[in-house]
Amino acid sequence: MSSAVSKLNLDLDQIVQWCKANNLVLNSSKSKLMLFGPDKLSVRICLKQMLLLLPVRPTQRLPASQPVLVEDLAQNIPTVQAPRPTPAQQSMNEFVHSMRPLGPRRAEKIDEQLIKMVAKGHHPFSLVEEQEFKTFVSMLCPGYSLPTRKTLSESLLPKMYKREMDKAKAKVEAGQAICLTTDGWMSDNNESFIAVTAHYIGADTKLESTMLGCVEYAERHTAANLAQFLKDITREWNFENKITAVASDNAANITAAIKAADWAPNTVLRSHIKFLRSKCTGRNGRETTARVKQIVEYFKRSSQALAKLKEIQKQLDVPLLKLKQDDSLELHL
């Protein structure tokens, strides 16, 4: 009983809010009754109540044996057409539905999408505090309450990061053999970074790639420090005994670091790479490489030739590819 009373009070409160939003006032002295229910049932009950309130004319007589039909008596009721609501006026059903708070699951999904938008679009956390963005979200979903900037950065984002990190670790741990690629570079602000990526065959027999980390590295780039860094990151992801190959540039420090890590080599792959290297570094290989460099340099120097190349690629309906100079990689096994 108490729950029914609470729901009824909530409905009455929403009706009052709808009336205020549409500049309407409820006059209790003129209100005879209030009906809740389907439209057809409400109309029939309303007709019966109106018949009881109508004055009986002296000349009107009905046979006692003849049943009184509500439809017959309703013909004597003067019809009053209610004024049509203006386009700006919101119906009560729409108003109550729009003011209804979202369920927890629906609100959680919107929170997740908001986090993805902020992270992938590199938007600031202060976006949720901008008034125009609040108005935009309110127009799309009035029942959704935007999280605060603090909730976004200290609660929602760490939860999603942990969930996605657990998924990535599970995928990498499922790989039977893993190849690493790593590289280091200096930013425009003179900050040193190192990135490590794992490549493996996934559960659906497709090649998968997962970035293990792209971190600012302030230590000296010695072979011992780099070897320890690679060991720490593979130990964190729990696959240090599954590494079969490591690809990097031919810098002396990273080459020595990979050898110092003492990962198990793959002799078959090593021999195949040596065979390809001997073919590419032979006389014919050096001539082919020199010709390719000349072609790339020609298109790099001439903007008209580059524009003609792009035009031909469009005519042939092939992807627009960019020419690159020789970027040698050395595979350490």
C-alpha atoms as a PDB file:
ATOM      1  CA  MET A   1       0.000   0.000   0.000  1.00  0.00           C
ATOM      2  CA  SER A   2       2.793   2.419   0.885  1.00  0.00           C
ATOM      3  CA  SER A   3       4.539   1.759  -2.441  1.00  0.00           C
ATOM      4  CA  ALA A   4       1.305   2.471  -4.340  1.00  0.00           C
ATOM      5  CA  VAL A   5       0.898   5.753  -2.464  1.00  0.00           C
ATOM      6  CA  SER A   6       4.504   6.698  -3.233  1.00  0.00           C
ATOM      7  CA  LYS A   7       4.043   5.963  -6.952  1.00  0.00           C
ATOM      8  CA  LEU A   8       0.800   7.971  -7.001  1.00  0.00           C
ATOM      9  CA  ASN A   9       2.509  10.913  -5.316  1.00  0.00           C
ATOM     10  CA  LEU A  10       5.345  10.690  -7.855  1.00  0.00           C
ATOM     11  CA  ASP A  11       2.837  10.757 -10.734  1.00  0.00           C
ATOM     12  CA  LEU A  12       1.053  13.769  -9.221  1.00  0.00           C
ATOM     13  CA  ASP A  13       4.385  15.550  -8.807  1.00  0.00           C
ATOM     14  CA  GLN A  14       5.243  14.937 -12.466  1.00  0.00           C
ATOM     15  CA  ILE A  15       1.825  16.288 -13.501  1.00  0.00           C
ATOM     16  CA  VAL A  16       2.460  19.450 -11.484  1.00  0.00           C
ATOM     17  CA  GLN A  17       5.879  19.849 -13.131  1.00  0.00           C
ATOM     18  CA  TRP A  18       4.335  19.366 -16.594  1.00  0.00           C
ATOM     19  CA  CYS A  19       1.706  21.986 -15.857  1.00  0.00           C
ATOM     20  CA  LYS A  20       4.360  24.446 -14.692  1.00  0.00           C
ATOM     21  CA  ALA A  21       6.473  23.788 -17.780  1.00  0.00           C
ATOM     22  CA  ASN A  22       3.460  24.562 -20.028  1.00  0.00           C
ATOM     23  CA  ASN A  23       2.201  27.557 -17.990  1.00  0.00           C
ATOM     24  CA  LEU A  24      -0.931  25.763 -16.771  1.00  0.00           C
ATOM     25  CA  VAL A  25      -2.551  26.077 -13.350  1.00  0.00           C
ATOM     26  CA  LEU A  26      -4.676  23.414 -11.655  1.00  0.00           C
ATOM     27  CA  ASN A  27      -7.849  24.897 -10.120  1.00  0.00           C
ATOM     28  CA  SER A  28      -8.885  22.583  -7.294  1.00  0.00           C
ATOM     29  CA  SER A  29     -12.299  24.320  -6.854  1.00  0.00           C
ATOM     30  CA  LYS A  30     -13.269  23.450 -10.434  1.00  0.00           C
ATOM     31  CA  SER A  31     -11.768  19.966 -10.515  1.00  0.00           C
ATOM     32  CA  LYS A  32     -14.477  17.348  -9.987  1.00  0.00           C
ATOM     33  CA  LEU A  33     -12.475  14.217 -10.625  1.00  0.00           C
ATOM     34  CA  MET A  34      -9.099  12.951 -11.884  1.00  0.00           C
ATOM     35  CA  LEU A  35      -8.773   9.750 -13.907  1.00  0.00           C
ATOM     36  CA  PHE A  36      -5.741   7.495 -14.395  1.00  0.00           C
ATOM     37  CA  GLY A  37      -5.775   4.692 -16.932  1.00  0.00           C
ATOM     38  CA  PRO A  38      -6.099   3.905 -20.672  1.00  0.00           C
ATOM     39  CA  ASP A  39      -7.746   6.512 -22.902  1.00  0.00           C
ATOM     40  CA  LYS A  40     -10.888   4.478 -23.767  1.00  0.00           C
ATOM     41  CA  LEU A  41     -11.577   3.529 -20.159  1.00  0.00           C
ATOM     42  CA  SER A  42     -11.083   7.145 -19.041  1.00  0.00           C
ATOM     43  CA  VAL A  43     -13.574   8.395 -21.657  1.00  0.00           C
ATOM     44  CA  ARG A  44     -16.329   5.960 -20.616  1.00  0.00           C
ATOM     45  CA  ILE A  45     -15.935   6.779 -16.935  1.00  0.00           C
ATOM     46  CA  CYS A  46     -15.860  10.488 -17.715  1.00  0.00           C
ATOM     47  CA  LEU A  47     -19.134  10.223 -19.691  1.00  0.00           C
ATOM     48  CA  LYS A  48     -20.855   8.469 -16.829  1.00  0.00           C
ATOM     49  CA  GLN A  49     -19.712  11.095 -14.338  1.00  0.00           C
ATOM     50  CA  MET A  50     -20.831  13.936 -16.639  1.00  0.00           C
ATOM     51  CA  LEU A  51     -24.290  12.330 -17.015  1.00  0.00           C
ATOM     52  CA  LEU A  52     -24.672  12.292 -13.249  1.00  0.00           C
ATOM     53  CA  LEU A  53     -23.831  15.969 -13.090  1.00  0.00           C
ATOM     54  CA  LEU A  54     -26.164  17.033 -15.934  1.00  0.00           C
ATOM     55  CA  PRO A  55     -29.522  18.643 -14.944  1.00  0.00           C
ATOM     56  CA  VAL A  56     -32.573  16.549 -15.829  1.00  0.00           C
ATOM     57  CA  ARG A  57     -35.066  18.296 -18.132  1.00  0.00           C
ATOM     58  CA  PRO A  58     -38.788  18.054 -17.100  1.00  0.00           C
ATOM     59  CA  THR A  59     -39.848  17.045 -20.608  1.00  0.00           C
ATOM     60  CA  GLN A  60     -37.350  14.238 -20.798  1.00  0.00           C
ATOM     61  CA  ARG A  61     -38.829  10.865 -19.863  1.00  0.00           C
ATOM     62  CA  LEU A  62     -37.406   7.451 -20.329  1.00  0.00           C
ATOM     63  CA  PRO A  63     -39.369   4.206 -20.106  1.00  0.00           C
ATOM     64  CA  ALA A  64     -38.460   2.269 -16.998  1.00  0.00           C
ATOM     65  CA  SER A  65     -38.164  -0.953 -18.967  1.00  0.00           C
ATOM     66  CA  GLN A  66     -35.763   0.573 -21.489  1.00  0.00           C
ATOM     67  CA  PRO A  67     -32.112   0.369 -20.415  1.00  0.00           C
ATOM     68  CA  VAL A  68     -30.214   3.601 -20.320  1.00  0.00           C
ATOM     69  CA  LEU A  69     -27.332   3.552 -22.756  1.00  0.00           C
ATOM     70  CA  VAL A  70     -24.384   5.825 -22.103  1.00  0.00           C
ATOM     71  CA  GLU A  71     -23.911   6.249 -25.852  1.00  0.00           C
ATOM     72  CA  ASP A  72     -27.527   7.526 -26.274  1.00  0.00           C
ATOM     73  CA  LEU A  73     -27.363   9.993 -23.418  1.00  0.00           C
ATOM     74  CA  ALA A  74     -23.952  11.204 -24.529  1.00  0.00           C
ATOM     75  CA  GLN A  75     -25.597  12.665 -27.652  1.00  0.00           C
ATOM     76  CA  ASN A  76     -27.298  15.320 -25.472  1.00  0.00           C
ATOM     77  CA  ILE A  77     -23.963  16.442 -24.041  1.00  0.00           C
ATOM     78  CA  PRO A  78     -22.669  19.512 -25.806  1.00  0.00           C
ATOM     79  CA  THR A  79     -19.310  18.747 -27.332  1.00  0.00           C
ATOM     80  CA  VAL A  80     -16.490  21.030 -26.395  1.00  0.00           C
ATOM     81  CA  GLN A  81     -13.330  20.761 -28.444  1.00  0.00           C
ATOM     82  CA  ALA A  82     -10.176  21.185 -26.449  1.00  0.00           C
ATOM     83  CA  PRO A  83      -7.735  23.667 -27.902  1.00  0.00           C
ATOM     84  CA  ARG A  84      -4.928  22.050 -29.822  1.00  0.00           C
ATOM     85  CA  PRO A  85      -1.565  22.363 -28.122  1.00  0.00           C
ATOM     86  CA  THR A  86       0.920  24.612 -29.777  1.00  0.00           C
ATOM     87  CA  PRO A  87       3.960  22.925 -31.396  1.00  0.00           C
ATOM     88  CA  ALA A  88       6.145  24.140 -28.531  1.00  0.00           C
ATOM     89  CA  GLN A  89       3.907  22.498 -25.928  1.00  0.00           C
ATOM     90  CA  GLN A  90       5.062  19.063 -24.819  1.00  0.00           C
ATOM     91  CA  SER A  91       2.561  16.309 -24.169  1.00  0.00           C
ATOM     92  CA  MET A  92       2.305  14.946 -20.659  1.00  0.00           C
ATOM     93  CA  ASN A  93       3.453  11.503 -21.753  1.00  0.00           C
ATOM     94  CA  GLU A  94       6.582  12.916 -23.417  1.00  0.00           C
ATOM     95  CA  PHE A  95       7.290  15.132 -20.430  1.00  0.00           C
ATOM     96  CA  VAL A  96       7.014  12.317 -17.888  1.00  0.00           C
ATOM     97  CA  HIS A  97       9.124  10.024 -20.103  1.00  0.00           C
ATOM     98  CA  SER A  98      11.830  12.646 -20.587  1.00  0.00           C
ATOM     99  CA  MET A  99      12.053  13.385 -16.849  1.00  0.00           C
ATOM    100  CA  ARG A 100      12.345   9.723 -15.952  1.00  0.00           C
ATOM    101  CA  PRO A 101      15.898   8.882 -14.773  1.00  0.00           C
ATOM    102  CA  LEU A 102      17.884   6.338 -16.762  1.00  0.00           C
ATOM    103  CA  GLY A 103      18.475   2.838 -15.517  1.00  0.00           C
ATOM    104  CA  PRO A 104      21.935   2.058 -14.106  1.00  0.00           C
ATOM    105  CA  ARG A 105      22.920  -0.162 -17.052  1.00  0.00           C
ATOM    106  CA  ARG A 106      21.934   2.451 -19.635  1.00  0.00           C
ATOM    107  CA  ALA A 107      23.740   5.223 -17.738  1.00  0.00           C
ATOM    108  CA  GLU A 108      26.853   3.026 -17.481  1.00  0.00           C
ATOM    109  CA  LYS A 109      26.905   2.472 -21.258  1.00  0.00           C
ATOM    110  CA  ILE A 110      26.682   6.222 -21.877  1.00  0.00           C
ATOM    111  CA  ASP A 111      29.507   6.793 -19.374  1.00  0.00           C
ATOM    112  CA  GLU A 112      31.683   4.279 -21.238  1.00  0.00           C
ATOM    113  CA  GLN A 113      31.017   5.943 -24.574  1.00  0.00           C
ATOM    114  CA  LEU A 114      31.835   9.332 -23.053  1.00  0.00           C
ATOM    115  CA  ILE A 115      35.177   7.994 -21.798  1.00  0.00           C
ATOM    116  CA  LYS A 116      35.980   6.565 -25.254  1.00  0.00           C
ATOM    117  CA  MET A 117      35.167   9.898 -26.883  1.00  0.00           C
ATOM    118  CA  VAL A 118      37.420  11.798 -24.461  1.00  0.00           C
ATOM    119  CA  ALA A 119      40.308   9.307 -24.749  1.00  0.00           C
ATOM    120  CA  LYS A 120      40.285   8.717 -28.521  1.00  0.00           C
ATOM    121  CA  GLY A 121      39.544  12.332 -29.402  1.00  0.00           C
ATOM    122  CA  HIS A 122      42.091  13.724 -26.898  1.00  0.00           C
ATOM    123  CA  HIS A 123      39.425  15.987 -25.399  1.00  0.00           C
ATOM    124  CA  PRO A 124      40.050  17.710 -22.058  1.00  0.00           C
ATOM    125  CA  PHE A 125      38.194  16.546 -18.959  1.00  0.00           C
ATOM    126  CA  SER A 126      36.755  20.053 -18.655  1.00  0.00           C
ATOM    127  CA  LEU A 127      34.473  19.210 -21.586  1.00  0.00           C
ATOM    128  CA  VAL A 128      31.807  17.952 -19.164  1.00  0.00           C
ATOM    129  CA  GLU A 129      31.774  21.365 -17.463  1.00  0.00           C
ATOM    130  CA  GLU A 130      31.084  23.389 -20.620  1.00  0.00           C
ATOM    131  CA  GLN A 131      27.554  24.739 -20.631  1.00  0.00           C
ATOM    132  CA  GLU A 132      26.944  24.189 -24.355  1.00  0.00           C
ATOM    133  CA  PHE A 133      27.984  20.554 -24.064  1.00  0.00           C
ATOM    134  CA  LYS A 134      25.673  20.110 -21.073  1.00  0.00           C
ATOM    135  CA  THR A 135      22.785  21.588 -23.060  1.00  0.00           C
ATOM    136  CA  PHE A 136      23.597  19.341 -26.016  1.00  0.00           C
ATOM    137  CA  VAL A 137      23.561  16.187 -23.848  1.00  0.00           C
ATOM    138  CA  SER A 138      20.371  17.294 -22.083  1.00  0.00           C
ATOM    139  CA  MET A 139      18.595  17.724 -25.411  1.00  0.00           C
ATOM    140  CA  LEU A 140      19.673  14.260 -26.562  1.00  0.00           C
ATOM    141  CA  CYS A 141      18.950  12.446 -23.294  1.00  0.00           C
ATOM    142  CA  PRO A 142      17.272  14.536 -20.562  1.00  0.00           C
ATOM    143  CA  GLY A 143      17.385  11.699 -18.035  1.00  0.00           C
ATOM    144  CA  TYR A 144      21.191  11.362 -18.168  1.00  0.00           C
ATOM    145  CA  SER A 145      23.333  13.204 -15.637  1.00  0.00           C
ATOM    146  CA  LEU A 146      26.834  14.081 -16.816  1.00  0.00           C
ATOM    147  CA  PRO A 147      29.653  12.977 -14.498  1.00  0.00           C
ATOM    148  CA  THR A 148      31.839  15.643 -12.980  1.00  0.00           C
ATOM    149  CA  ARG A 149      35.376  16.295 -14.122  1.00  0.00           C
ATOM    150  CA  LYS A 150      36.767  14.611 -10.999  1.00  0.00           C
ATOM    151  CA  THR A 151      34.560  11.519 -11.444  1.00  0.00           C
ATOM    152  CA  LEU A 152      35.627  11.288 -15.071  1.00  0.00           C
ATOM    153  CA  SER A 153      39.356  11.398 -14.356  1.00  0.00           C
ATOM    154  CA  GLU A 154      39.586   9.597 -11.005  1.00  0.00           C
ATOM    155  CA  SER A 155      36.876   6.934 -11.271  1.00  0.00           C
ATOM    156  CA  LEU A 156      35.512   6.208 -14.742  1.00  0.00           C
ATOM    157  CA  LEU A 157      38.789   6.426 -16.683  1.00  0.00           C
ATOM    158  CA  PRO A 158      40.836   4.186 -14.306  1.00  0.00           C
ATOM    159  CA  LYS A 159      38.055   1.566 -14.329  1.00  0.00           C
ATOM    160  CA  MET A 160      37.974   1.425 -18.132  1.00  0.00           C
ATOM    161  CA  TYR A 161      41.786   1.383 -18.303  1.00  0.00           C
ATOM    162  CA  LYS A 162      41.973  -1.608 -15.952  1.00  0.00           C
ATOM    163  CA  ARG A 163      39.237  -3.460 -17.856  1.00  0.00           C
ATOM    164  CA  GLU A 164      40.894  -2.920 -21.237  1.00  0.00           C
ATOM    165  CA  MET A 165      44.334  -3.776 -19.808  1.00  0.00           C
ATOM    166  CA  ASP A 166      43.033  -7.092 -18.451  1.00  0.00           C
ATOM    167  CA  LYS A 167      41.551  -7.924 -21.870  1.00  0.00           C
ATOM    168  CA  ALA A 168      44.832  -7.118 -23.634  1.00  0.00           C
ATOM    169  CA  LYS A 169      46.892  -9.172 -21.177  1.00  0.00           C
ATOM    170  CA  ALA A 170      44.591 -12.161 -21.616  1.00  0.00           C
ATOM    171  CA  LYS A 171      44.986 -11.995 -25.407  1.00  0.00           C
ATOM    172  CA  VAL A 172      48.784 -11.730 -25.238  1.00  0.00           C
ATOM    173  CA  GLU A 173      49.099 -14.557 -22.701  1.00  0.00           C
ATOM    174  CA  ALA A 174      47.059 -16.798 -25.012  1.00  0.00           C
ATOM    175  CA  GLY A 175      49.700 -16.471 -27.758  1.00  0.00           C
ATOM    176  CA  GLN A 176      52.050 -19.436 -28.094  1.00  0.00           C
ATOM    177  CA  ALA A 177      54.960 -17.533 -29.695  1.00  0.00           C
ATOM    178  CA  ILE A 178      55.523 -13.779 -29.555  1.00  0.00           C
ATOM    179  CA  CYS A 179      57.672 -11.445 -31.624  1.00  0.00           C
ATOM    180  CA  LEU A 180      58.633  -8.024 -30.250  1.00  0.00           C
ATOM    181  CA  THR A 181      59.279  -4.784 -32.094  1.00  0.00           C
ATOM    182  CA  THR A 182      60.840  -1.876 -30.240  1.00  0.00           C
ATOM    183  CA  ASP A 183      62.166   1.557 -31.024  1.00  0.00           C
ATOM    184  CA  GLY A 184      63.241   4.695 -29.196  1.00  0.00           C
ATOM    185  CA  TRP A 185      63.154   8.338 -30.260  1.00  0.00           C
ATOM    186  CA  MET A 186      63.505  11.887 -29.020  1.00  0.00           C
ATOM    187  CA  SER A 187      60.514  14.254 -29.054  1.00  0.00           C
ATOM    188  CA  ASP A 188      60.551  17.911 -30.107  1.00  0.00           C
ATOM    189  CA  ASN A 189      60.692  18.801 -26.405  1.00  0.00           C
ATOM    190  CA  ASN A 190      63.904  16.779 -26.007  1.00  0.00           C
ATOM    191  CA  GLU A 191      62.110  13.974 -24.126  1.00  0.00           C
ATOM    192  CA  SER A 192      63.143  10.362 -24.688  1.00  0.00           C
ATOM    193  CA  PHE A 193      60.502   7.671 -25.376  1.00  0.00           C
ATOM    194  CA  ILE A 194      60.583   3.912 -25.957  1.00  0.00           C
ATOM    195  CA  ALA A 195      57.781   1.834 -27.454  1.00  0.00           C
ATOM    196  CA  VAL A 196      57.391  -1.966 -27.383  1.00  0.00           C
ATOM    197  CA  THR A 197      54.804  -3.932 -29.388  1.00  0.00           C
ATOM    198  CA  ALA A 198      54.011  -7.653 -29.280  1.00  0.00           C
ATOM    199  CA  HIS A 199      52.967  -9.601 -32.404  1.00  0.00           C
ATOM    200  CA  TYR A 200      51.406 -13.057 -32.176  1.00  0.00           C
ATOM    201  CA  ILE A 201      48.812 -15.414 -33.648  1.00  0.00           C
ATOM    202  CA  GLY A 202      45.475 -14.987 -31.856  1.00  0.00           C
ATOM    203  CA  ALA A 203      42.814 -17.533 -30.959  1.00  0.00           C
ATOM    204  CA  ASP A 204      41.112 -17.061 -34.352  1.00  0.00           C
ATOM    205  CA  THR A 205      44.419 -17.762 -36.204  1.00  0.00           C
ATOM    206  CA  LYS A 206      44.795 -14.101 -37.172  1.00  0.00           C
ATOM    207  CA  LEU A 207      47.866 -11.956 -36.675  1.00  0.00           C
ATOM    208  CA  GLU A 208      47.398  -9.726 -33.633  1.00  0.00           C
ATOM    209  CA  SER A 209      49.444  -6.744 -32.461  1.00  0.00           C
ATOM    210  CA  THR A 210      49.299  -5.253 -28.968  1.00  0.00           C
ATOM    211  CA  MET A 211      51.285  -2.250 -27.787  1.00  0.00           C
ATOM    212  CA  LEU A 212      52.837  -3.166 -24.459  1.00  0.00           C
ATOM    213  CA  GLY A 213      53.959   0.343 -23.644  1.00  0.00           C
ATOM    214  CA  CYS A 214      55.023   3.708 -24.966  1.00  0.00           C
ATOM    215  CA  VAL A 215      56.743   5.348 -22.024  1.00  0.00           C
ATOM    216  CA  GLU A 216      59.048   8.240 -21.321  1.00  0.00           C
ATOM    217  CA  TYR A 217      62.476   6.778 -20.587  1.00  0.00           C
ATOM    218  CA  ALA A 218      64.736   9.085 -18.598  1.00  0.00           C
ATOM    219  CA  GLU A 219      67.492   6.525 -17.885  1.00  0.00           C
ATOM    220  CA  ARG A 220      70.699   6.317 -19.851  1.00  0.00           C
ATOM    221  CA  HIS A 221      70.289   4.294 -23.046  1.00  0.00           C
ATOM    222  CA  THR A 222      72.939   1.738 -22.203  1.00  0.00           C
ATOM    223  CA  ALA A 223      72.651  -1.884 -23.259  1.00  0.00           C
ATOM    224  CA  ALA A 224      72.198  -3.030 -19.652  1.00  0.00           C
ATOM    225  CA  ASN A 225      69.429  -0.510 -18.942  1.00  0.00           C
ATOM    226  CA  LEU A 226      67.572  -1.306 -22.167  1.00  0.00           C
ATOM    227  CA  ALA A 227      67.846  -5.051 -21.560  1.00  0.00           C
ATOM    228  CA  GLN A 228      66.411  -4.624 -18.067  1.00  0.00           C
ATOM    229  CA  PHE A 229      63.603  -2.462 -19.433  1.00  0.00           C
ATOM    230  CA  LEU A 230      62.613  -5.093 -22.007  1.00  0.00           C
ATOM    231  CA  LYS A 231      62.742  -7.867 -19.402  1.00  0.00           C
ATOM    232  CA  ASP A 232      60.593  -5.872 -16.964  1.00  0.00           C
ATOM    233  CA  ILE A 233      57.886  -5.150 -19.511  1.00  0.00           C
ATOM    234  CA  THR A 234      57.722  -8.769 -20.721  1.00  0.00           C
ATOM    235  CA  ARG A 235      57.603  -9.977 -17.106  1.00  0.00           C
ATOM    236  CA  GLU A 236      54.760  -7.543 -16.390  1.00  0.00           C
ATOM    237  CA  TRP A 237      52.786  -9.009 -19.297  1.00  0.00           C
ATOM    238  CA  ASN A 238      53.729 -12.567 -18.285  1.00  0.00           C
ATOM    239  CA  PHE A 239      55.249 -13.904 -21.514  1.00  0.00           C
ATOM    240  CA  GLU A 240      59.028 -13.583 -21.011  1.00  0.00           C
ATOM    241  CA  ASN A 241      59.538 -17.255 -21.977  1.00  0.00           C
ATOM    242  CA  LYS A 242      57.528 -17.060 -25.227  1.00  0.00           C
ATOM    243  CA  ILE A 243      59.686 -14.577 -27.185  1.00  0.00           C
ATOM    244  CA  THR A 244      61.001 -15.996 -30.472  1.00  0.00           C
ATOM    245  CA  ALA A 245      62.258 -12.845 -32.230  1.00  0.00           C
ATOM    246  CA  VAL A 246      62.903  -9.145 -31.612  1.00  0.00           C
ATOM    247  CA  ALA A 247      62.938  -6.529 -34.386  1.00  0.00           C
ATOM    248  CA  SER A 248      64.597  -3.137 -33.929  1.00  0.00           C
ATOM    249  CA  ASP A 249      66.888  -0.703 -35.677  1.00  0.00           C
ATOM    250  CA  ASN A 250      70.610  -1.434 -35.919  1.00  0.00           C
ATOM    251  CA  ALA A 251      71.758   0.879 -33.096  1.00  0.00           C
ATOM    252  CA  ALA A 252      74.606  -0.653 -31.111  1.00  0.00           C
ATOM    253  CA  ASN A 253      72.958  -0.212 -27.705  1.00  0.00           C
ATOM    254  CA  ILE A 254      69.643  -1.925 -28.578  1.00  0.00           C
ATOM    255  CA  THR A 255      71.502  -4.681 -30.444  1.00  0.00           C
ATOM    256  CA  ALA A 256      73.607  -5.415 -27.377  1.00  0.00           C
ATOM    257  CA  ALA A 257      70.536  -5.181 -25.125  1.00  0.00           C
ATOM    258  CA  ILE A 258      68.645  -7.827 -27.121  1.00  0.00           C
ATOM    259  CA  LYS A 259      71.631 -10.160 -26.999  1.00  0.00           C
ATOM    260  CA  ALA A 260      72.008  -9.559 -23.257  1.00  0.00           C
ATOM    261  CA  ALA A 261      68.339 -10.455 -22.674  1.00  0.00           C
ATOM    262  CA  ASP A 262      69.249 -14.037 -23.713  1.00  0.00           C
ATOM    263  CA  TRP A 263      65.921 -14.986 -25.260  1.00  0.00           C
ATOM    264  CA  ALA A 264      65.662 -18.345 -27.027  1.00  0.00           C
ATOM    265  CA  PRO A 265      66.581 -18.043 -30.733  1.00  0.00           C
ATOM    266  CA  ASN A 266      64.643 -19.448 -33.662  1.00  0.00           C
ATOM    267  CA  THR A 267      67.241 -21.108 -35.917  1.00  0.00           C
ATOM    268  CA  VAL A 268      64.843 -21.742 -38.853  1.00  0.00           C
ATOM    269  CA  LEU A 269      63.737 -18.110 -38.993  1.00  0.00           C
ATOM    270  CA  ARG A 270      67.319 -16.933 -38.510  1.00  0.00           C
ATOM    271  CA  SER A 271      68.574 -18.951 -41.475  1.00  0.00           C
ATOM    272  CA  HIS A 272      65.710 -17.705 -43.650  1.00  0.00           C
ATOM    273  CA  ILE A 273      66.468 -14.083 -42.736  1.00  0.00           C
ATOM    274  CA  LYS A 274      70.169 -14.637 -43.502  1.00  0.00           C
ATOM    275  CA  PHE A 275      69.212 -16.071 -46.902  1.00  0.00           C
ATOM    276  CA  LEU A 276      67.050 -13.045 -47.737  1.00  0.00           C
ATOM    277  CA  ARG A 277      69.732 -10.676 -46.446  1.00  0.00           C
ATOM    278  CA  SER A 278      72.357 -12.288 -48.691  1.00  0.00           C
ATOM    279  CA  LYS A 279      70.066 -11.888 -51.698  1.00  0.00           C
ATOM    280  CA  CYS A 280      69.350  -8.223 -50.923  1.00  0.00           C
ATOM    281  CA  THR A 281      72.961  -7.314 -50.140  1.00  0.00           C
ATOM    282  CA  GLY A 282      74.447  -8.998 -53.205  1.00  0.00           C
ATOM    283  CA  ARG A 283      75.331  -7.229 -56.415  1.00  0.00           C
ATOM    284  CA  ASN A 284      71.831  -7.429 -57.882  1.00  0.00           C
ATOM    285  CA  GLY A 285      70.308  -6.435 -54.565  1.00  0.00           C
ATOM    286  CA  ARG A 286      72.490  -3.342 -54.250  1.00  0.00           C
ATOM    287  CA  GLU A 287      71.667  -2.283 -57.811  1.00  0.00           C
ATOM    288  CA  THR A 288      67.926  -2.698 -57.194  1.00  0.00           C
ATOM    289  CA  THR A 289      68.153  -0.721 -53.977  1.00  0.00           C
ATOM    290  CA  ALA A 290      70.036   2.101 -55.719  1.00  0.00           C
ATOM    291  CA  ARG A 291      67.425   2.303 -58.478  1.00  0.00           C
ATOM    292  CA  VAL A 292      64.569   2.392 -56.000  1.00  0.00           C
ATOM    293  CA  LYS A 293      66.296   5.233 -54.138  1.00  0.00           C
ATOM    294  CA  GLN A 294      66.674   7.191 -57.366  1.00  0.00           C
ATOM    295  CA  ILE A 295      62.960   6.785 -58.138  1.00  0.00           C
ATOM    296  CA  VAL A 296      61.948   7.944 -54.668  1.00  0.00           C
ATOM    297  CA  GLU A 297      64.300  10.923 -54.782  1.00  0.00           C
ATOM    298  CA  TYR A 298      62.892  11.969 -58.167  1.00  0.00           C
ATOM    299  CA  PHE A 299      59.327  12.125 -56.857  1.00  0.00           C
ATOM    300  CA  LYS A 300      60.518  13.807 -53.668  1.00  0.00           C
ATOM    301  CA  ARG A 301      62.146  16.636 -55.638  1.00  0.00           C
ATOM    302  CA  SER A 302      59.365  17.183 -58.203  1.00  0.00           C
ATOM    303  CA  SER A 303      55.928  18.198 -56.938  1.00  0.00           C
ATOM    304  CA  GLN A 304      54.478  17.955 -60.474  1.00  0.00           C
ATOM    305  CA  ALA A 305      55.694  14.370 -60.850  1.00  0.00           C
ATOM    306  CA  LEU A 306      54.233  13.487 -57.457  1.00  0.00           C
ATOM    307  CA  ALA A 307      50.871  14.994 -58.435  1.00  0.00           C
ATOM    308  CA  LYS A 308      50.923  12.993 -61.693  1.00  0.00           C
ATOM    309  CA  LEU A 309      51.684   9.809 -59.727  1.00  0.00           C
ATOM    310  CA  LYS A 310      48.683  10.406 -57.445  1.00  0.00           C
ATOM    311  CA  GLU A 311      46.473  11.085 -60.472  1.00  0.00           C
ATOM    312  CA  ILE A 312      47.502   7.782 -62.081  1.00  0.00           C
ATOM    313  CA  GLN A 313      46.810   5.917 -58.830  1.00  0.00           C
ATOM    314  CA  LYS A 314      43.293   7.402 -58.759  1.00  0.00           C
ATOM    315  CA  GLN A 315      42.688   6.435 -62.390  1.00  0.00           C
ATOM    316  CA  LEU A 316      43.786   2.850 -61.671  1.00  0.00           C
ATOM    317  CA  ASP A 317      41.559   2.798 -58.564  1.00  0.00           C
ATOM    318  CA  VAL A 318      44.404   1.707 -56.295  1.00  0.00           C
ATOM    319  CA  PRO A 319      45.201   2.945 -52.782  1.00  0.00           C
ATOM    320  CA  LEU A 320      47.170   6.183 -52.608  1.00  0.00           C
ATOM    321  CA  LEU A 321      50.585   4.978 -51.457  1.00  0.00           C
ATOM    322  CA  LYS A 322      53.431   7.191 -50.252  1.00  0.00           C
ATOM    323  CA  LEU A 323      57.004   6.688 -51.375  1.00  0.00           C
ATOM    324  CA  LYS A 324      59.488   6.076 -48.573  1.00  0.00           C
ATOM    325  CA  GLN A 325      63.253   6.144 -48.386  1.00  0.00           C
ATOM    326  CA  ASP A 326      65.251   3.099 -47.244  1.00  0.00           C
ATOM    327  CA  ASP A 327      64.439   2.399 -43.574  1.00  0.00           C
ATOM    328  CA  SER A 328      66.616  -0.572 -42.665  1.00  0.00           C
ATOM    329  CA  LEU A 329      65.555  -2.875 -39.840  1.00  0.00           C
ATOM    330  CA  GLU A 330      67.719  -5.573 -38.338  1.00  0.00           C
ATOM    331  CA  LEU A 331      66.077  -8.706 -36.946  1.00  0.00           C
ATOM    332  CA  HIS A 332      67.810 -10.083 -33.846  1.00  0.00           C
ATOM    333  CA  LEU A 333      67.300 -13.774 -33.212  1.00  0.00           C
END
